[in-house]
Amino acid sequence: MFLFKTLVASFACGIVLVGCSSPESEGGASSNIEEVVIYSNADEEAVEVIQEVLDEAGYEGQYVFQSFGTGELGGRLLAEGDNTEADMVTMSSFYLESAQAKHPMFKELTFDVDPQVAVPNYYAPILGFTGAIILNTKEMAAQNLPRPTSAKDLANPIYKNKIAMVDPNGSSTGWLFIQDVTATYGMGAEGQKIMNDIRTNAGPNLELSGSGPIKKVMAGEVPIGFGLRHQAIANKAQGLPIDYVDPSEGNYTLTESVAVIDKGENTNPNAMKMAEIIVENARPKLLTIYPNVIYDGETVAPDNQIKNSKTYGEPLTAELLDKHRAFFHGQTES
């Protein structure tokens, strides 16, 4: 099971349309309420959970689900504002904040949301994910490579063509890695040299998909990669020669959230109801797929507990992502 966060037009997954039958009101009675149009960047596994809980709550046939790559959906939100077909979105939280700053376009949630990390009143987190350095232990031993302990270690020439990295132009998983470098070593000469050396070491193994590095590591094409932490843990638990390293610089987490479009008197009344159901009913199942604690009372297995979790030094925005993309590619102005 490979999950990935595609920031560019990963429209290969296409547009998923469900719930196109005649709309019915909650409880099954006929109604004139229009279907709720849901735009989402969620992975297929997360979409399945969301659809399942909505259907179980009696909303089958009352929504249309459209899946987009993160970059494409982010571009739509920033360009369209509330002039959009969508009634609800599930999306990277930082993109929701950037869209709201540009076009106040989301309704204040009418249900209680109290995550461990405070969020604005117009969205509710539904999942989180974290990165880690992933190792193929068999290949590491065969090639007599030292075990890295930090992001900086990957700049060592000994790892030339031995690591697979995620290009932040393709996946937000790559942004998690860049945060380690920029927060610890800065975006000046030291940080840029480290980043350039790591990118050089990756060479032909620079992946646009967040799942690209772990696929290459599992196949033995490279012994080291940077990918999603929970995927490495799951594969290690299955007895595969996979291990992971939490970089000494720390682990950062990205979240995805649900928000309702404010269309004034034209706001679909079922959108807020569905958003509440997604948070209350889908969250427990999503936690089993993305084992990152977001709300008080949640628990995960010891291996999934992050011991060196870091807080972002500055708010995440679409503009900061663009700035860090340029940094990754050595295009930052000196």
C-alpha atoms as a PDB file:
ATOM      1  CA  MET A   1       0.000   0.000   0.000  1.00  0.00           C
ATOM      2  CA  PHE A   2       1.716   3.095  -1.140  1.00  0.00           C
ATOM      3  CA  LEU A   3       0.344   6.467  -0.273  1.00  0.00           C
ATOM      4  CA  PHE A   4       1.606   9.603  -1.926  1.00  0.00           C
ATOM      5  CA  LYS A   5       1.023  13.286  -1.944  1.00  0.00           C
ATOM      6  CA  THR A   6       1.252  14.582  -5.438  1.00  0.00           C
ATOM      7  CA  LEU A   7       1.707  18.303  -5.748  1.00  0.00           C
ATOM      8  CA  VAL A   8       1.698  18.494  -9.494  1.00  0.00           C
ATOM      9  CA  ALA A   9      -0.874  17.232 -11.870  1.00  0.00           C
ATOM     10  CA  SER A  10      -1.077  13.682 -10.659  1.00  0.00           C
ATOM     11  CA  PHE A  11      -4.359  13.441 -12.415  1.00  0.00           C
ATOM     12  CA  ALA A  12      -3.524   9.875 -13.322  1.00  0.00           C
ATOM     13  CA  CYS A  13      -5.922   8.915 -10.560  1.00  0.00           C
ATOM     14  CA  GLY A  14      -8.477  10.806 -12.572  1.00  0.00           C
ATOM     15  CA  ILE A  15     -11.582  12.374 -11.215  1.00  0.00           C
ATOM     16  CA  VAL A  16     -13.475  10.081  -8.924  1.00  0.00           C
ATOM     17  CA  LEU A  17     -17.192  10.509  -9.174  1.00  0.00           C
ATOM     18  CA  VAL A  18     -19.497   8.751  -6.772  1.00  0.00           C
ATOM     19  CA  GLY A  19     -22.867   9.418  -5.273  1.00  0.00           C
ATOM     20  CA  CYS A  20     -24.399  10.469  -8.560  1.00  0.00           C
ATOM     21  CA  SER A  21     -27.773   8.854  -7.987  1.00  0.00           C
ATOM     22  CA  SER A  22     -30.826  10.857  -7.140  1.00  0.00           C
ATOM     23  CA  PRO A  23     -30.285  12.909  -4.017  1.00  0.00           C
ATOM     24  CA  GLU A  24     -32.031  11.784  -0.895  1.00  0.00           C
ATOM     25  CA  SER A  25     -32.250  13.497   2.405  1.00  0.00           C
ATOM     26  CA  GLU A  26     -30.817  12.102   5.584  1.00  0.00           C
ATOM     27  CA  GLY A  27     -32.903   9.133   6.597  1.00  0.00           C
ATOM     28  CA  GLY A  28     -33.777   8.206   3.039  1.00  0.00           C
ATOM     29  CA  ALA A  29     -36.674  10.531   2.274  1.00  0.00           C
ATOM     30  CA  SER A  30     -36.685  12.409  -1.011  1.00  0.00           C
ATOM     31  CA  SER A  31     -35.424  15.994  -0.951  1.00  0.00           C
ATOM     32  CA  ASN A  32     -34.624  18.883  -3.227  1.00  0.00           C
ATOM     33  CA  ILE A  33     -31.244  19.366  -1.542  1.00  0.00           C
ATOM     34  CA  GLU A  34     -28.472  19.268  -4.134  1.00  0.00           C
ATOM     35  CA  GLU A  35     -25.605  16.833  -3.910  1.00  0.00           C
ATOM     36  CA  VAL A  36     -22.606  18.048  -1.955  1.00  0.00           C
ATOM     37  CA  VAL A  37     -19.608  18.422  -4.252  1.00  0.00           C
ATOM     38  CA  ILE A  38     -16.430  17.372  -2.422  1.00  0.00           C
ATOM     39  CA  TYR A  39     -13.014  18.305  -3.793  1.00  0.00           C
ATOM     40  CA  SER A  40     -10.151  16.314  -2.269  1.00  0.00           C
ATOM     41  CA  ASN A  41      -6.430  15.655  -2.570  1.00  0.00           C
ATOM     42  CA  ALA A  42      -6.695  12.624  -0.272  1.00  0.00           C
ATOM     43  CA  ASP A  43      -5.085   9.317  -1.153  1.00  0.00           C
ATOM     44  CA  GLU A  44      -7.290   6.546  -2.418  1.00  0.00           C
ATOM     45  CA  GLU A  45      -7.297   4.788   0.955  1.00  0.00           C
ATOM     46  CA  ALA A  46      -8.465   7.928   2.735  1.00  0.00           C
ATOM     47  CA  VAL A  47     -11.159   8.596   0.129  1.00  0.00           C
ATOM     48  CA  GLU A  48     -12.517   5.097   0.668  1.00  0.00           C
ATOM     49  CA  VAL A  49     -12.800   5.702   4.408  1.00  0.00           C
ATOM     50  CA  ILE A  50     -14.551   9.046   3.912  1.00  0.00           C
ATOM     51  CA  GLN A  51     -17.048   7.550   1.469  1.00  0.00           C
ATOM     52  CA  GLU A  52     -17.676   4.630   3.796  1.00  0.00           C
ATOM     53  CA  VAL A  53     -18.575   6.787   6.797  1.00  0.00           C
ATOM     54  CA  LEU A  54     -20.751   9.121   4.735  1.00  0.00           C
ATOM     55  CA  ASP A  55     -22.643   6.178   3.289  1.00  0.00           C
ATOM     56  CA  GLU A  56     -23.039   4.593   6.712  1.00  0.00           C
ATOM     57  CA  ALA A  57     -24.468   7.884   7.982  1.00  0.00           C
ATOM     58  CA  GLY A  58     -27.175   7.787   5.308  1.00  0.00           C
ATOM     59  CA  TYR A  59     -25.620  10.157   2.783  1.00  0.00           C
ATOM     60  CA  GLU A  60     -25.070   7.632  -0.012  1.00  0.00           C
ATOM     61  CA  GLY A  61     -26.114   9.250  -3.271  1.00  0.00           C
ATOM     62  CA  GLN A  62     -26.024  12.744  -1.781  1.00  0.00           C
ATOM     63  CA  TYR A  63     -22.463  13.709  -2.655  1.00  0.00           C
ATOM     64  CA  VAL A  64     -20.090  13.835  -5.600  1.00  0.00           C
ATOM     65  CA  PHE A  65     -16.421  13.168  -4.825  1.00  0.00           C
ATOM     66  CA  GLN A  66     -13.754  14.635  -7.096  1.00  0.00           C
ATOM     67  CA  SER A  67     -10.076  13.761  -6.509  1.00  0.00           C
ATOM     68  CA  PHE A  68      -7.188  16.013  -7.547  1.00  0.00           C
ATOM     69  CA  GLY A  69      -3.455  16.199  -7.088  1.00  0.00           C
ATOM     70  CA  THR A  70      -2.512  18.548  -4.263  1.00  0.00           C
ATOM     71  CA  GLY A  71      -0.932  21.146  -6.529  1.00  0.00           C
ATOM     72  CA  GLU A  72      -3.872  21.204  -8.888  1.00  0.00           C
ATOM     73  CA  LEU A  73      -6.435  21.491  -6.129  1.00  0.00           C
ATOM     74  CA  GLY A  74      -4.343  24.104  -4.349  1.00  0.00           C
ATOM     75  CA  GLY A  75      -4.193  26.125  -7.558  1.00  0.00           C
ATOM     76  CA  ARG A  76      -7.957  25.875  -7.941  1.00  0.00           C
ATOM     77  CA  LEU A  77      -8.620  27.074  -4.412  1.00  0.00           C
ATOM     78  CA  LEU A  78      -6.243  30.001  -4.774  1.00  0.00           C
ATOM     79  CA  ALA A  79      -7.666  30.978  -8.165  1.00  0.00           C
ATOM     80  CA  GLU A  80     -11.385  30.350  -7.645  1.00  0.00           C
ATOM     81  CA  GLY A  81     -12.042  31.231  -4.024  1.00  0.00           C
ATOM     82  CA  ASP A  82     -15.716  30.734  -3.210  1.00  0.00           C
ATOM     83  CA  ASN A  83     -16.530  30.882  -6.927  1.00  0.00           C
ATOM     84  CA  THR A  84     -16.113  27.138  -7.106  1.00  0.00           C
ATOM     85  CA  GLU A  85     -18.299  24.170  -7.785  1.00  0.00           C
ATOM     86  CA  ALA A  86     -17.129  22.529  -4.553  1.00  0.00           C
ATOM     87  CA  ASP A  87     -19.212  22.686  -1.375  1.00  0.00           C
ATOM     88  CA  MET A  88     -16.560  21.030   0.779  1.00  0.00           C
ATOM     89  CA  VAL A  89     -12.848  20.268   0.462  1.00  0.00           C
ATOM     90  CA  THR A  90     -10.444  17.887   2.162  1.00  0.00           C
ATOM     91  CA  MET A  91      -7.009  19.335   1.561  1.00  0.00           C
ATOM     92  CA  SER A  92      -3.517  20.028   2.920  1.00  0.00           C
ATOM     93  CA  SER A  93      -4.083  22.372   5.851  1.00  0.00           C
ATOM     94  CA  PHE A  94      -1.502  24.913   4.725  1.00  0.00           C
ATOM     95  CA  TYR A  95      -3.236  25.286   1.371  1.00  0.00           C
ATOM     96  CA  LEU A  96      -6.554  25.913   3.155  1.00  0.00           C
ATOM     97  CA  GLU A  97      -4.911  28.681   5.150  1.00  0.00           C
ATOM     98  CA  SER A  98      -3.332  30.228   2.046  1.00  0.00           C
ATOM     99  CA  ALA A  99      -6.673  30.096   0.204  1.00  0.00           C
ATOM    100  CA  GLN A 100      -8.514  31.637   3.162  1.00  0.00           C
ATOM    101  CA  ALA A 101      -5.947  34.433   3.394  1.00  0.00           C
ATOM    102  CA  LYS A 102      -6.427  35.239  -0.282  1.00  0.00           C
ATOM    103  CA  HIS A 103     -10.209  34.768  -0.476  1.00  0.00           C
ATOM    104  CA  PRO A 104     -12.143  34.424   2.776  1.00  0.00           C
ATOM    105  CA  MET A 105     -13.992  31.423   1.458  1.00  0.00           C
ATOM    106  CA  PHE A 106     -14.608  28.917   4.269  1.00  0.00           C
ATOM    107  CA  LYS A 107     -17.426  28.847   6.816  1.00  0.00           C
ATOM    108  CA  GLU A 108     -16.691  28.752  10.500  1.00  0.00           C
ATOM    109  CA  LEU A 109     -17.281  25.190  11.624  1.00  0.00           C
ATOM    110  CA  THR A 110     -20.451  24.695  13.643  1.00  0.00           C
ATOM    111  CA  PHE A 111     -19.142  21.664  15.521  1.00  0.00           C
ATOM    112  CA  ASP A 112     -16.446  21.390  18.163  1.00  0.00           C
ATOM    113  CA  VAL A 113     -12.872  20.787  16.981  1.00  0.00           C
ATOM    114  CA  ASP A 114     -10.106  20.583  19.547  1.00  0.00           C
ATOM    115  CA  PRO A 115      -6.885  19.128  18.131  1.00  0.00           C
ATOM    116  CA  GLN A 116      -3.700  19.077  20.183  1.00  0.00           C
ATOM    117  CA  VAL A 117      -2.275  21.836  17.979  1.00  0.00           C
ATOM    118  CA  ALA A 118      -4.625  24.802  17.647  1.00  0.00           C
ATOM    119  CA  VAL A 119      -6.071  25.405  14.185  1.00  0.00           C
ATOM    120  CA  PRO A 120      -8.248  28.144  12.666  1.00  0.00           C
ATOM    121  CA  ASN A 121     -11.992  27.827  13.242  1.00  0.00           C
ATOM    122  CA  TYR A 122     -12.763  27.047   9.601  1.00  0.00           C
ATOM    123  CA  TYR A 123     -11.120  23.649   9.234  1.00  0.00           C
ATOM    124  CA  ALA A 124     -10.692  20.401  11.140  1.00  0.00           C
ATOM    125  CA  PRO A 125      -7.678  18.078  10.698  1.00  0.00           C
ATOM    126  CA  ILE A 126      -8.529  14.563   9.563  1.00  0.00           C
ATOM    127  CA  LEU A 127      -5.077  12.992   9.060  1.00  0.00           C
ATOM    128  CA  GLY A 128      -1.357  13.644   9.519  1.00  0.00           C
ATOM    129  CA  PHE A 129       1.856  12.170   8.142  1.00  0.00           C
ATOM    130  CA  THR A 130       5.579  12.349   8.887  1.00  0.00           C
ATOM    131  CA  GLY A 131       8.770  11.503   7.016  1.00  0.00           C
ATOM    132  CA  ALA A 132      11.835   9.426   7.889  1.00  0.00           C
ATOM    133  CA  ILE A 133      15.040   8.116   6.330  1.00  0.00           C
ATOM    134  CA  ILE A 134      14.264   4.606   5.066  1.00  0.00           C
ATOM    135  CA  LEU A 135      16.899   1.893   4.747  1.00  0.00           C
ATOM    136  CA  ASN A 136      17.161  -1.414   2.915  1.00  0.00           C
ATOM    137  CA  THR A 137      19.233  -3.204   5.551  1.00  0.00           C
ATOM    138  CA  LYS A 138      20.242  -5.980   3.181  1.00  0.00           C
ATOM    139  CA  GLU A 139      21.648  -3.534   0.627  1.00  0.00           C
ATOM    140  CA  MET A 140      23.254  -1.396   3.313  1.00  0.00           C
ATOM    141  CA  ALA A 141      25.207  -4.422   4.529  1.00  0.00           C
ATOM    142  CA  ALA A 142      26.047  -5.628   1.023  1.00  0.00           C
ATOM    143  CA  GLN A 143      27.451  -2.224   0.073  1.00  0.00           C
ATOM    144  CA  ASN A 144      29.112  -1.728   3.474  1.00  0.00           C
ATOM    145  CA  LEU A 145      27.471   1.650   3.958  1.00  0.00           C
ATOM    146  CA  PRO A 146      27.393   3.495   7.288  1.00  0.00           C
ATOM    147  CA  ARG A 147      23.967   4.019   8.799  1.00  0.00           C
ATOM    148  CA  PRO A 148      22.983   7.704   8.480  1.00  0.00           C
ATOM    149  CA  THR A 149      21.614   9.398  11.573  1.00  0.00           C
ATOM    150  CA  SER A 150      20.731  12.810  10.190  1.00  0.00           C
ATOM    151  CA  ALA A 151      19.513  14.578   7.092  1.00  0.00           C
ATOM    152  CA  LYS A 152      22.942  16.183   6.851  1.00  0.00           C
ATOM    153  CA  ASP A 153      24.609  12.771   6.710  1.00  0.00           C
ATOM    154  CA  LEU A 154      22.982  12.191   3.323  1.00  0.00           C
ATOM    155  CA  ALA A 155      25.240  14.903   1.886  1.00  0.00           C
ATOM    156  CA  ASN A 156      28.257  12.617   2.407  1.00  0.00           C
ATOM    157  CA  PRO A 157      29.793  11.681  -0.993  1.00  0.00           C
ATOM    158  CA  ILE A 158      29.814   8.048   0.135  1.00  0.00           C
ATOM    159  CA  TYR A 159      26.083   8.027  -0.635  1.00  0.00           C
ATOM    160  CA  LYS A 160      26.438   9.250  -4.238  1.00  0.00           C
ATOM    161  CA  ASN A 161      23.739   7.516  -6.300  1.00  0.00           C
ATOM    162  CA  LYS A 162      22.801   5.527  -3.183  1.00  0.00           C
ATOM    163  CA  ILE A 163      19.799   7.564  -2.066  1.00  0.00           C
ATOM    164  CA  ALA A 164      16.346   8.317  -3.473  1.00  0.00           C
ATOM    165  CA  MET A 165      14.780  11.660  -2.598  1.00  0.00           C
ATOM    166  CA  VAL A 166      11.404  13.282  -3.179  1.00  0.00           C
ATOM    167  CA  ASP A 167      11.340  16.375  -5.368  1.00  0.00           C
ATOM    168  CA  PRO A 168       9.133  18.943  -3.575  1.00  0.00           C
ATOM    169  CA  ASN A 169       7.806  19.952  -6.980  1.00  0.00           C
ATOM    170  CA  GLY A 170       6.113  16.569  -6.990  1.00  0.00           C
ATOM    171  CA  SER A 171       5.242  15.742  -3.413  1.00  0.00           C
ATOM    172  CA  SER A 172       4.842  17.372  -0.020  1.00  0.00           C
ATOM    173  CA  THR A 173       6.821  14.446   1.422  1.00  0.00           C
ATOM    174  CA  GLY A 174       9.853  16.199  -0.034  1.00  0.00           C
ATOM    175  CA  TRP A 175       8.911  19.338   1.852  1.00  0.00           C
ATOM    176  CA  LEU A 176       9.169  17.433   5.135  1.00  0.00           C
ATOM    177  CA  PHE A 177      12.825  16.736   4.361  1.00  0.00           C
ATOM    178  CA  ILE A 178      13.585  20.303   3.336  1.00  0.00           C
ATOM    179  CA  GLN A 179      12.197  21.525   6.657  1.00  0.00           C
ATOM    180  CA  ASP A 180      14.923  19.516   8.424  1.00  0.00           C
ATOM    181  CA  VAL A 181      17.652  21.205   6.407  1.00  0.00           C
ATOM    182  CA  THR A 182      16.317  24.767   6.438  1.00  0.00           C
ATOM    183  CA  ALA A 183      15.334  24.788  10.121  1.00  0.00           C
ATOM    184  CA  THR A 184      18.668  23.385  11.314  1.00  0.00           C
ATOM    185  CA  TYR A 185      21.213  24.757   8.859  1.00  0.00           C
ATOM    186  CA  GLY A 186      19.358  27.703   7.349  1.00  0.00           C
ATOM    187  CA  MET A 187      18.884  28.756   3.752  1.00  0.00           C
ATOM    188  CA  GLY A 188      22.265  30.444   3.557  1.00  0.00           C
ATOM    189  CA  ALA A 189      25.545  28.997   2.361  1.00  0.00           C
ATOM    190  CA  GLU A 190      25.677  26.082   4.828  1.00  0.00           C
ATOM    191  CA  GLY A 191      22.133  24.904   4.243  1.00  0.00           C
ATOM    192  CA  GLN A 192      22.337  25.378   0.487  1.00  0.00           C
ATOM    193  CA  LYS A 193      25.566  23.365   0.214  1.00  0.00           C
ATOM    194  CA  ILE A 194      24.032  20.509   2.208  1.00  0.00           C
ATOM    195  CA  MET A 195      20.907  20.582   0.070  1.00  0.00           C
ATOM    196  CA  ASN A 196      22.879  20.725  -3.175  1.00  0.00           C
ATOM    197  CA  ASP A 197      25.101  17.810  -2.115  1.00  0.00           C
ATOM    198  CA  ILE A 198      22.094  15.690  -1.170  1.00  0.00           C
ATOM    199  CA  ARG A 199      20.376  16.451  -4.467  1.00  0.00           C
ATOM    200  CA  THR A 200      23.590  15.542  -6.281  1.00  0.00           C
ATOM    201  CA  ASN A 201      23.825  12.274  -4.351  1.00  0.00           C
ATOM    202  CA  ALA A 202      20.271  11.445  -5.368  1.00  0.00           C
ATOM    203  CA  GLY A 203      21.227  11.919  -9.017  1.00  0.00           C
ATOM    204  CA  PRO A 204      18.824   9.877 -11.152  1.00  0.00           C
ATOM    205  CA  ASN A 205      16.838   8.845  -8.083  1.00  0.00           C
ATOM    206  CA  LEU A 206      14.984  12.109  -7.623  1.00  0.00           C
ATOM    207  CA  GLU A 207      11.314  11.115  -7.477  1.00  0.00           C
ATOM    208  CA  LEU A 208       8.172  13.176  -8.071  1.00  0.00           C
ATOM    209  CA  SER A 209       5.979  10.744  -6.144  1.00  0.00           C
ATOM    210  CA  GLY A 210       6.148  10.523  -2.374  1.00  0.00           C
ATOM    211  CA  SER A 211       6.093   6.748  -2.643  1.00  0.00           C
ATOM    212  CA  GLY A 212       8.884   6.681  -5.229  1.00  0.00           C
ATOM    213  CA  PRO A 213      11.824   6.437  -2.780  1.00  0.00           C
ATOM    214  CA  ILE A 214      10.386   3.619  -0.677  1.00  0.00           C
ATOM    215  CA  LYS A 215       9.548   1.659  -3.809  1.00  0.00           C
ATOM    216  CA  LYS A 216      13.176   1.941  -4.938  1.00  0.00           C
ATOM    217  CA  VAL A 217      14.470   1.054  -1.472  1.00  0.00           C
ATOM    218  CA  MET A 218      12.221  -1.993  -1.232  1.00  0.00           C
ATOM    219  CA  ALA A 219      13.265  -3.118  -4.707  1.00  0.00           C
ATOM    220  CA  GLY A 220      16.929  -2.763  -3.727  1.00  0.00           C
ATOM    221  CA  GLU A 221      17.559  -0.212  -6.481  1.00  0.00           C
ATOM    222  CA  VAL A 222      18.980   2.107  -3.808  1.00  0.00           C
ATOM    223  CA  PRO A 223      19.811   1.321  -0.180  1.00  0.00           C
ATOM    224  CA  ILE A 224      18.514   4.627   1.262  1.00  0.00           C
ATOM    225  CA  GLY A 225      15.523   6.873   0.666  1.00  0.00           C
ATOM    226  CA  PHE A 226      13.412   9.523   2.334  1.00  0.00           C
ATOM    227  CA  GLY A 227       9.730   8.673   2.530  1.00  0.00           C
ATOM    228  CA  LEU A 228       6.707   8.331   4.759  1.00  0.00           C
ATOM    229  CA  ARG A 229       7.598   6.998   8.181  1.00  0.00           C
ATOM    230  CA  HIS A 230       4.510   4.875   8.727  1.00  0.00           C
ATOM    231  CA  GLN A 231       5.090   3.006   5.455  1.00  0.00           C
ATOM    232  CA  ALA A 232       8.595   2.027   6.573  1.00  0.00           C
ATOM    233  CA  ILE A 233       7.270   0.864   9.931  1.00  0.00           C
ATOM    234  CA  ALA A 234       4.570  -1.233   8.289  1.00  0.00           C
ATOM    235  CA  ASN A 235       7.016  -2.926   5.919  1.00  0.00           C
ATOM    236  CA  LYS A 236       9.523  -3.567   8.692  1.00  0.00           C
ATOM    237  CA  ALA A 237       6.761  -5.161  10.757  1.00  0.00           C
ATOM    238  CA  GLN A 238       6.109  -7.562   7.892  1.00  0.00           C
ATOM    239  CA  GLY A 239       9.651  -8.870   8.179  1.00  0.00           C
ATOM    240  CA  LEU A 240      11.027  -7.151   5.095  1.00  0.00           C
ATOM    241  CA  PRO A 241      14.644  -5.902   5.218  1.00  0.00           C
ATOM    242  CA  ILE A 242      13.442  -2.371   5.844  1.00  0.00           C
ATOM    243  CA  ASP A 243      14.384  -0.081   8.692  1.00  0.00           C
ATOM    244  CA  TYR A 244      13.999   3.623   9.328  1.00  0.00           C
ATOM    245  CA  VAL A 245      15.898   6.453  10.958  1.00  0.00           C
ATOM    246  CA  ASP A 246      14.332   9.517  12.514  1.00  0.00           C
ATOM    247  CA  PRO A 247      16.770  12.244  11.471  1.00  0.00           C
ATOM    248  CA  SER A 248      18.495  13.903  14.403  1.00  0.00           C
ATOM    249  CA  GLU A 249      17.222  17.256  13.088  1.00  0.00           C
ATOM    250  CA  GLY A 250      13.695  16.114  14.013  1.00  0.00           C
ATOM    251  CA  ASN A 251      10.424  15.004  12.465  1.00  0.00           C
ATOM    252  CA  TYR A 252       7.882  17.411  11.013  1.00  0.00           C
ATOM    253  CA  THR A 253       4.243  16.602  10.378  1.00  0.00           C
ATOM    254  CA  LEU A 254       1.841  17.739   7.674  1.00  0.00           C
ATOM    255  CA  THR A 255      -1.918  17.508   8.123  1.00  0.00           C
ATOM    256  CA  GLU A 256      -4.900  17.386   5.811  1.00  0.00           C
ATOM    257  CA  SER A 257      -8.212  18.884   6.894  1.00  0.00           C
ATOM    258  CA  VAL A 258     -11.849  19.273   5.946  1.00  0.00           C
ATOM    259  CA  ALA A 259     -13.444  22.687   5.313  1.00  0.00           C
ATOM    260  CA  VAL A 260     -16.814  23.926   4.038  1.00  0.00           C
ATOM    261  CA  ILE A 261     -17.102  26.544   1.290  1.00  0.00           C
ATOM    262  CA  ASP A 262     -19.048  29.640   2.360  1.00  0.00           C
ATOM    263  CA  LYS A 263     -21.469  30.419  -0.462  1.00  0.00           C
ATOM    264  CA  GLY A 264     -23.724  32.594   1.610  1.00  0.00           C
ATOM    265  CA  GLU A 265     -27.374  31.700   1.187  1.00  0.00           C
ATOM    266  CA  ASN A 266     -26.369  29.176  -1.468  1.00  0.00           C
ATOM    267  CA  THR A 267     -24.236  27.135   0.952  1.00  0.00           C
ATOM    268  CA  ASN A 268     -25.315  23.521   0.816  1.00  0.00           C
ATOM    269  CA  PRO A 269     -26.692  22.748   4.299  1.00  0.00           C
ATOM    270  CA  ASN A 270     -25.538  19.145   4.124  1.00  0.00           C
ATOM    271  CA  ALA A 271     -21.898  20.137   3.632  1.00  0.00           C
ATOM    272  CA  MET A 272     -21.403  21.078   7.290  1.00  0.00           C
ATOM    273  CA  LYS A 273     -23.206  17.921   8.449  1.00  0.00           C
ATOM    274  CA  MET A 274     -20.957  15.762   6.287  1.00  0.00           C
ATOM    275  CA  ALA A 275     -17.830  17.577   7.478  1.00  0.00           C
ATOM    276  CA  GLU A 276     -18.762  16.786  11.078  1.00  0.00           C
ATOM    277  CA  ILE A 277     -19.367  13.130  10.237  1.00  0.00           C
ATOM    278  CA  ILE A 278     -15.988  12.892   8.493  1.00  0.00           C
ATOM    279  CA  VAL A 279     -14.193  14.258  11.554  1.00  0.00           C
ATOM    280  CA  GLU A 280     -16.107  12.183  14.096  1.00  0.00           C
ATOM    281  CA  ASN A 281     -16.505   8.898  12.222  1.00  0.00           C
ATOM    282  CA  ALA A 282     -13.649   8.744   9.706  1.00  0.00           C
ATOM    283  CA  ARG A 283     -10.906   9.918  12.040  1.00  0.00           C
ATOM    284  CA  PRO A 284     -10.586   6.611  13.968  1.00  0.00           C
ATOM    285  CA  LYS A 285     -10.202   4.630  10.737  1.00  0.00           C
ATOM    286  CA  LEU A 286      -7.840   7.177   9.212  1.00  0.00           C
ATOM    287  CA  LEU A 287      -5.664   6.911  12.314  1.00  0.00           C
ATOM    288  CA  THR A 288      -5.051   3.245  11.519  1.00  0.00           C
ATOM    289  CA  ILE A 289      -3.758   4.222   8.053  1.00  0.00           C
ATOM    290  CA  TYR A 290      -1.925   7.393   9.092  1.00  0.00           C
ATOM    291  CA  PRO A 291      -0.862   6.670  12.697  1.00  0.00           C
ATOM    292  CA  ASN A 292      -0.114  10.235  13.744  1.00  0.00           C
ATOM    293  CA  VAL A 293      -1.870  11.505  16.849  1.00  0.00           C
ATOM    294  CA  ILE A 294      -3.832  14.709  16.223  1.00  0.00           C
ATOM    295  CA  TYR A 295      -6.501  14.722  18.925  1.00  0.00           C
ATOM    296  CA  ASP A 296      -6.323  14.108  22.672  1.00  0.00           C
ATOM    297  CA  GLY A 297      -7.193  10.557  23.606  1.00  0.00           C
ATOM    298  CA  GLU A 298      -5.757   9.013  20.460  1.00  0.00           C
ATOM    299  CA  THR A 299      -3.089   6.347  20.789  1.00  0.00           C
ATOM    300  CA  VAL A 300      -0.723   4.658  18.332  1.00  0.00           C
ATOM    301  CA  ALA A 301       1.746   1.788  18.572  1.00  0.00           C
ATOM    302  CA  PRO A 302       5.105   2.647  20.206  1.00  0.00           C
ATOM    303  CA  ASP A 303       6.976   2.540  16.879  1.00  0.00           C
ATOM    304  CA  ASN A 304       4.622   5.158  15.469  1.00  0.00           C
ATOM    305  CA  GLN A 305       5.180   7.528  18.356  1.00  0.00           C
ATOM    306  CA  ILE A 306       7.471  10.342  17.271  1.00  0.00           C
ATOM    307  CA  LYS A 307      10.089  11.119  19.888  1.00  0.00           C
ATOM    308  CA  ASN A 308      11.688  14.163  18.265  1.00  0.00           C
ATOM    309  CA  SER A 309       8.703  15.952  16.798  1.00  0.00           C
ATOM    310  CA  LYS A 310       9.438  19.498  15.679  1.00  0.00           C
ATOM    311  CA  THR A 311       7.254  22.568  15.288  1.00  0.00           C
ATOM    312  CA  TYR A 312       7.589  24.632  12.136  1.00  0.00           C
ATOM    313  CA  GLY A 313       9.607  27.781  12.566  1.00  0.00           C
ATOM    314  CA  GLU A 314       7.197  29.794  10.437  1.00  0.00           C
ATOM    315  CA  PRO A 315       3.626  29.240   9.239  1.00  0.00           C
ATOM    316  CA  LEU A 316       3.254  26.930   6.272  1.00  0.00           C
ATOM    317  CA  THR A 317       1.950  28.672   3.175  1.00  0.00           C
ATOM    318  CA  ALA A 318       1.869  28.044  -0.540  1.00  0.00           C
ATOM    319  CA  GLU A 319       4.384  30.883  -0.869  1.00  0.00           C
ATOM    320  CA  LEU A 320       6.807  29.237   1.578  1.00  0.00           C
ATOM    321  CA  LEU A 321       6.489  25.983  -0.327  1.00  0.00           C
ATOM    322  CA  ASP A 322       7.499  27.768  -3.532  1.00  0.00           C
ATOM    323  CA  LYS A 323      10.462  29.320  -1.699  1.00  0.00           C
ATOM    324  CA  HIS A 324      11.611  25.937  -0.401  1.00  0.00           C
ATOM    325  CA  ARG A 325      11.160  24.322  -3.805  1.00  0.00           C
ATOM    326  CA  ALA A 326      13.598  26.869  -5.224  1.00  0.00           C
ATOM    327  CA  PHE A 327      15.996  26.198  -2.337  1.00  0.00           C
ATOM    328  CA  PHE A 328      15.884  22.463  -2.966  1.00  0.00           C
ATOM    329  CA  HIS A 329      16.838  23.021  -6.601  1.00  0.00           C
ATOM    330  CA  GLY A 330      19.602  25.496  -5.774  1.00  0.00           C
ATOM    331  CA  GLN A 331      17.673  28.363  -7.316  1.00  0.00           C
ATOM    332  CA  THR A 332      17.586  30.619  -4.267  1.00  0.00           C
ATOM    333  CA  GLU A 333      18.991  34.049  -4.905  1.00  0.00           C
ATOM    334  CA  SER A 334      22.157  34.678  -2.896  1.00  0.00           C
END
